[in-house]
Amino acid sequence: MILLVLWRAIIGPTVLDRVITVNAIGSMVTVMILLLAFLRSDYGFIDVAVVFALCGFIGTVWTLRMLTPGEWHVKVPKLKELGREGGEGAAHD
C-alpha cells in the first residue's frame, strides 16, 4: 500500500496531492508500529506511535501553512447576527 501511495506522490500533479500522500504514508507507518506493538506484546511502542502520529500531524499543518498564502482565520458569515438574535433571555430555561 505504501508503494502505491508513494507512486501517487511522485505523479501527483499538485502539491496538495503530495502533502496528502505523505500524510497517508505516515498514517500507514503508525498503524504498522501499533501492529508491531500488538504482535510483540510490547506496549511501549504505543507511545512511539502516538508521538509519530502527532509529529506527522504537526508537520502536515506546518507544510500547509507555508504553502498556502493569506491568513488562516475562519470566517463564518452572519456569526455576529446569530449572537444578537437570541438575546440574553434565551440562555435561561
N, C-alpha and C. Protein backbone atom coordinates (compact mmCIF):
# COMPACT_ATOMS: atom_id res chain seq x y z
N MET A 1 0.82 -1.19 0.00
CA MET A 1 0.00 0.00 0.00
C MET A 1 0.87 1.26 0.00
N ILE A 2 1.95 1.22 0.76
CA ILE A 2 2.81 2.40 0.82
C ILE A 2 3.42 2.68 -0.54
N LEU A 3 3.77 1.65 -1.28
CA LEU A 3 4.35 1.87 -2.61
C LEU A 3 3.33 2.49 -3.56
N LEU A 4 2.07 2.08 -3.47
CA LEU A 4 1.04 2.69 -4.32
C LEU A 4 0.84 4.16 -3.97
N VAL A 5 0.82 4.45 -2.68
CA VAL A 5 0.64 5.85 -2.26
C VAL A 5 1.87 6.67 -2.64
N LEU A 6 3.06 6.06 -2.51
CA LEU A 6 4.28 6.76 -2.91
C LEU A 6 4.28 7.06 -4.40
N TRP A 7 3.76 6.13 -5.19
CA TRP A 7 3.65 6.37 -6.63
C TRP A 7 2.72 7.56 -6.91
N ARG A 8 1.65 7.65 -6.14
CA ARG A 8 0.74 8.79 -6.30
C ARG A 8 1.43 10.09 -5.93
N ALA A 9 2.31 10.04 -4.94
CA ALA A 9 3.06 11.24 -4.55
C ALA A 9 4.01 11.67 -5.67
N ILE A 10 4.56 10.70 -6.36
CA ILE A 10 5.50 11.03 -7.44
C ILE A 10 4.77 11.62 -8.64
N ILE A 11 3.62 11.05 -9.01
CA ILE A 11 2.92 11.54 -10.20
C ILE A 11 1.89 12.61 -9.90
N GLY A 12 1.67 12.90 -8.60
CA GLY A 12 0.64 13.88 -8.23
C GLY A 12 0.85 15.22 -8.91
N PRO A 13 -0.17 15.73 -9.56
CA PRO A 13 0.02 16.97 -10.31
C PRO A 13 0.13 18.21 -9.42
N THR A 14 -0.39 18.15 -8.21
CA THR A 14 -0.36 19.34 -7.36
C THR A 14 0.39 19.04 -6.07
N VAL A 15 0.76 20.11 -5.39
CA VAL A 15 1.45 19.98 -4.12
C VAL A 15 0.51 19.39 -3.07
N LEU A 16 -0.76 19.72 -3.16
CA LEU A 16 -1.72 19.19 -2.21
C LEU A 16 -1.82 17.66 -2.31
N ASP A 17 -1.74 17.11 -3.51
CA ASP A 17 -1.71 15.66 -3.68
C ASP A 17 -0.51 15.06 -2.96
N ARG A 18 0.62 15.72 -3.08
CA ARG A 18 1.83 15.20 -2.43
C ARG A 18 1.74 15.29 -0.92
N VAL A 19 1.19 16.36 -0.40
CA VAL A 19 1.04 16.51 1.05
C VAL A 19 0.10 15.43 1.59
N ILE A 20 -1.00 15.18 0.90
CA ILE A 20 -1.95 14.17 1.34
C ILE A 20 -1.32 12.78 1.31
N THR A 21 -0.54 12.49 0.28
CA THR A 21 0.08 11.17 0.21
C THR A 21 1.15 10.98 1.28
N VAL A 22 1.91 12.01 1.58
CA VAL A 22 2.89 11.90 2.67
C VAL A 22 2.18 11.68 4.00
N ASN A 23 1.06 12.35 4.20
CA ASN A 23 0.28 12.15 5.40
C ASN A 23 -0.28 10.72 5.46
N ALA A 24 -0.71 10.19 4.33
CA ALA A 24 -1.21 8.82 4.29
C ALA A 24 -0.10 7.82 4.59
N ILE A 25 1.10 8.06 4.10
CA ILE A 25 2.22 7.17 4.41
C ILE A 25 2.53 7.21 5.90
N GLY A 26 2.48 8.39 6.49
CA GLY A 26 2.70 8.50 7.93
C GLY A 26 1.65 7.75 8.73
N SER A 27 0.42 7.79 8.28
CA SER A 27 -0.65 7.04 8.95
C SER A 27 -0.43 5.54 8.84
N MET A 28 0.01 5.09 7.67
CA MET A 28 0.28 3.66 7.49
C MET A 28 1.44 3.19 8.36
N VAL A 29 2.47 4.00 8.48
CA VAL A 29 3.60 3.64 9.35
C VAL A 29 3.15 3.59 10.81
N THR A 30 2.27 4.52 11.20
CA THR A 30 1.74 4.50 12.56
C THR A 30 0.98 3.21 12.83
N VAL A 31 0.17 2.77 11.88
CA VAL A 31 -0.57 1.52 12.03
C VAL A 31 0.40 0.33 12.11
N MET A 32 1.46 0.37 11.32
CA MET A 32 2.44 -0.73 11.39
C MET A 32 3.14 -0.77 12.75
N ILE A 33 3.44 0.39 13.33
CA ILE A 33 4.04 0.43 14.66
C ILE A 33 3.08 -0.14 15.69
N LEU A 34 1.80 0.21 15.58
CA LEU A 34 0.81 -0.32 16.51
C LEU A 34 0.63 -1.84 16.36
N LEU A 35 0.66 -2.33 15.13
CA LEU A 35 0.58 -3.78 14.91
C LEU A 35 1.80 -4.49 15.49
N LEU A 36 2.96 -3.88 15.35
CA LEU A 36 4.18 -4.44 15.92
C LEU A 36 4.08 -4.49 17.45
N ALA A 37 3.51 -3.46 18.04
CA ALA A 37 3.33 -3.44 19.50
C ALA A 37 2.38 -4.56 19.92
N PHE A 38 1.34 -4.76 19.16
CA PHE A 38 0.38 -5.81 19.49
C PHE A 38 0.99 -7.20 19.34
N LEU A 39 1.70 -7.43 18.25
CA LEU A 39 2.27 -8.74 17.99
C LEU A 39 3.38 -9.10 18.98
N ARG A 40 4.18 -8.13 19.39
CA ARG A 40 5.27 -8.40 20.32
C ARG A 40 4.84 -8.25 21.78
N SER A 41 3.62 -7.83 22.01
CA SER A 41 3.10 -7.57 23.36
C SER A 41 4.00 -6.60 24.12
N ASP A 42 4.58 -5.67 23.39
CA ASP A 42 5.43 -4.63 23.97
C ASP A 42 4.71 -3.30 23.77
N TYR A 43 3.95 -2.92 24.77
CA TYR A 43 3.07 -1.77 24.61
C TYR A 43 3.79 -0.44 24.78
N GLY A 44 5.09 -0.47 24.91
CA GLY A 44 5.88 0.76 24.89
C GLY A 44 5.89 1.38 23.50
N PHE A 45 5.63 0.57 22.49
CA PHE A 45 5.59 1.08 21.12
C PHE A 45 4.37 1.97 20.88
N ILE A 46 3.37 1.85 21.72
CA ILE A 46 2.17 2.69 21.55
C ILE A 46 2.54 4.15 21.73
N ASP A 47 3.40 4.44 22.70
CA ASP A 47 3.87 5.81 22.90
C ASP A 47 4.61 6.32 21.67
N VAL A 48 5.42 5.45 21.10
CA VAL A 48 6.17 5.83 19.89
C VAL A 48 5.21 6.13 18.74
N ALA A 49 4.17 5.31 18.61
CA ALA A 49 3.19 5.52 17.54
C ALA A 49 2.43 6.83 17.73
N VAL A 50 2.06 7.15 18.97
CA VAL A 50 1.34 8.40 19.23
C VAL A 50 2.22 9.60 18.92
N VAL A 51 3.47 9.56 19.35
CA VAL A 51 4.40 10.66 19.06
C VAL A 51 4.63 10.79 17.56
N PHE A 52 4.77 9.66 16.88
CA PHE A 52 4.96 9.69 15.43
C PHE A 52 3.76 10.30 14.73
N ALA A 53 2.55 9.93 15.16
CA ALA A 53 1.34 10.48 14.56
C ALA A 53 1.22 11.98 14.83
N LEU A 54 1.54 12.40 16.04
CA LEU A 54 1.47 13.84 16.36
C LEU A 54 2.49 14.64 15.56
N CYS A 55 3.69 14.10 15.41
CA CYS A 55 4.70 14.78 14.60
C CYS A 55 4.27 14.87 13.14
N GLY A 56 3.66 13.81 12.64
CA GLY A 56 3.15 13.85 11.27
C GLY A 56 2.06 14.88 11.09
N PHE A 57 1.16 14.98 12.08
CA PHE A 57 0.08 15.97 12.01
C PHE A 57 0.65 17.39 12.05
N ILE A 58 1.56 17.63 12.97
CA ILE A 58 2.15 18.97 13.07
C ILE A 58 2.94 19.31 11.82
N GLY A 59 3.64 18.33 11.27
CA GLY A 59 4.37 18.56 10.03
C GLY A 59 3.46 18.88 8.86
N THR A 60 2.33 18.21 8.80
CA THR A 60 1.36 18.48 7.73
C THR A 60 0.77 19.86 7.86
N VAL A 61 0.39 20.24 9.07
CA VAL A 61 -0.17 21.57 9.28
C VAL A 61 0.87 22.64 8.97
N TRP A 62 2.10 22.43 9.40
CA TRP A 62 3.15 23.40 9.12
C TRP A 62 3.40 23.52 7.62
N THR A 63 3.44 22.39 6.91
CA THR A 63 3.65 22.41 5.47
C THR A 63 2.53 23.16 4.76
N LEU A 64 1.30 22.88 5.14
CA LEU A 64 0.17 23.59 4.52
C LEU A 64 0.20 25.07 4.86
N ARG A 65 0.62 25.40 6.06
CA ARG A 65 0.71 26.82 6.47
C ARG A 65 1.74 27.54 5.62
N MET A 66 2.85 26.87 5.31
CA MET A 66 3.89 27.50 4.50
C MET A 66 3.50 27.59 3.03
N LEU A 67 2.68 26.66 2.57
CA LEU A 67 2.36 26.62 1.14
C LEU A 67 1.12 27.42 0.77
N THR A 68 0.27 27.72 1.74
CA THR A 68 -0.94 28.47 1.42
C THR A 68 -0.77 29.92 1.81
N PRO A 69 -1.02 30.82 0.89
CA PRO A 69 -0.88 32.23 1.20
C PRO A 69 -2.08 32.75 1.98
N GLY A 70 -1.91 33.89 2.60
CA GLY A 70 -3.01 34.53 3.30
C GLY A 70 -3.11 34.12 4.75
N GLU A 71 -4.15 34.61 5.39
CA GLU A 71 -4.34 34.34 6.80
C GLU A 71 -5.26 33.14 6.98
N TRP A 72 -5.15 32.52 8.14
CA TRP A 72 -5.92 31.31 8.44
C TRP A 72 -7.04 31.60 9.41
N HIS A 73 -7.77 32.65 9.22
CA HIS A 73 -8.89 32.95 10.10
C HIS A 73 -10.15 32.33 9.53
N VAL A 74 -10.90 31.68 10.40
CA VAL A 74 -12.16 31.09 9.97
C VAL A 74 -13.19 32.20 9.88
N LYS A 75 -13.78 32.34 8.73
CA LYS A 75 -14.77 33.40 8.53
C LYS A 75 -16.14 32.75 8.37
N VAL A 76 -16.99 32.98 9.35
CA VAL A 76 -18.35 32.45 9.31
C VAL A 76 -19.28 33.61 9.03
N PRO A 77 -19.97 33.57 7.89
CA PRO A 77 -20.87 34.68 7.59
C PRO A 77 -22.02 34.75 8.58
N LYS A 78 -22.40 35.94 8.94
CA LYS A 78 -23.53 36.23 9.82
C LYS A 78 -23.35 35.67 11.23
N LEU A 79 -22.11 35.50 11.67
CA LEU A 79 -21.88 34.97 13.01
C LEU A 79 -22.28 35.99 14.07
N LYS A 80 -22.02 37.26 13.81
CA LYS A 80 -22.38 38.29 14.78
C LYS A 80 -23.90 38.42 14.91
N GLU A 81 -24.60 38.21 13.81
CA GLU A 81 -26.06 38.31 13.85
C GLU A 81 -26.67 37.18 14.67
N LEU A 82 -26.07 36.03 14.67
CA LEU A 82 -26.59 34.91 15.45
C LEU A 82 -26.53 35.21 16.94
N GLY A 83 -25.50 35.90 17.37
CA GLY A 83 -25.39 36.23 18.78
C GLY A 83 -26.42 37.25 19.22
N ARG A 84 -26.87 38.08 18.32
CA ARG A 84 -27.84 39.13 18.68
C ARG A 84 -29.29 38.62 18.66
N GLU A 85 -29.56 37.58 17.89
CA GLU A 85 -30.94 37.11 17.73
C GLU A 85 -31.55 36.60 19.03
N GLY A 86 -30.83 35.73 19.72
CA GLY A 86 -31.39 35.13 20.92
C GLY A 86 -31.45 36.08 22.09
N GLY A 87 -30.57 37.03 22.15
CA GLY A 87 -30.53 37.94 23.28
C GLY A 87 -30.07 37.22 24.53
N GLU A 88 -30.09 37.89 25.63
CA GLU A 88 -29.62 37.28 26.88
C GLU A 88 -30.72 36.44 27.52
N GLY A 89 -31.96 36.66 27.19
CA GLY A 89 -33.04 35.90 27.79
C GLY A 89 -33.13 34.48 27.27
N ALA A 90 -32.49 34.17 26.13
CA ALA A 90 -32.60 32.84 25.56
C ALA A 90 -31.80 31.80 26.34
N ALA A 91 -30.83 32.24 27.11
CA ALA A 91 -29.99 31.29 27.84
C ALA A 91 -30.68 30.75 29.09
N HIS A 92 -31.75 31.39 29.53
CA HIS A 92 -32.44 30.94 30.72
C HIS A 92 -33.48 29.89 30.38
N ASP A 93 -33.57 28.86 31.21
CA ASP A 93 -34.54 27.79 30.97
C ASP A 93 -35.79 28.01 31.77
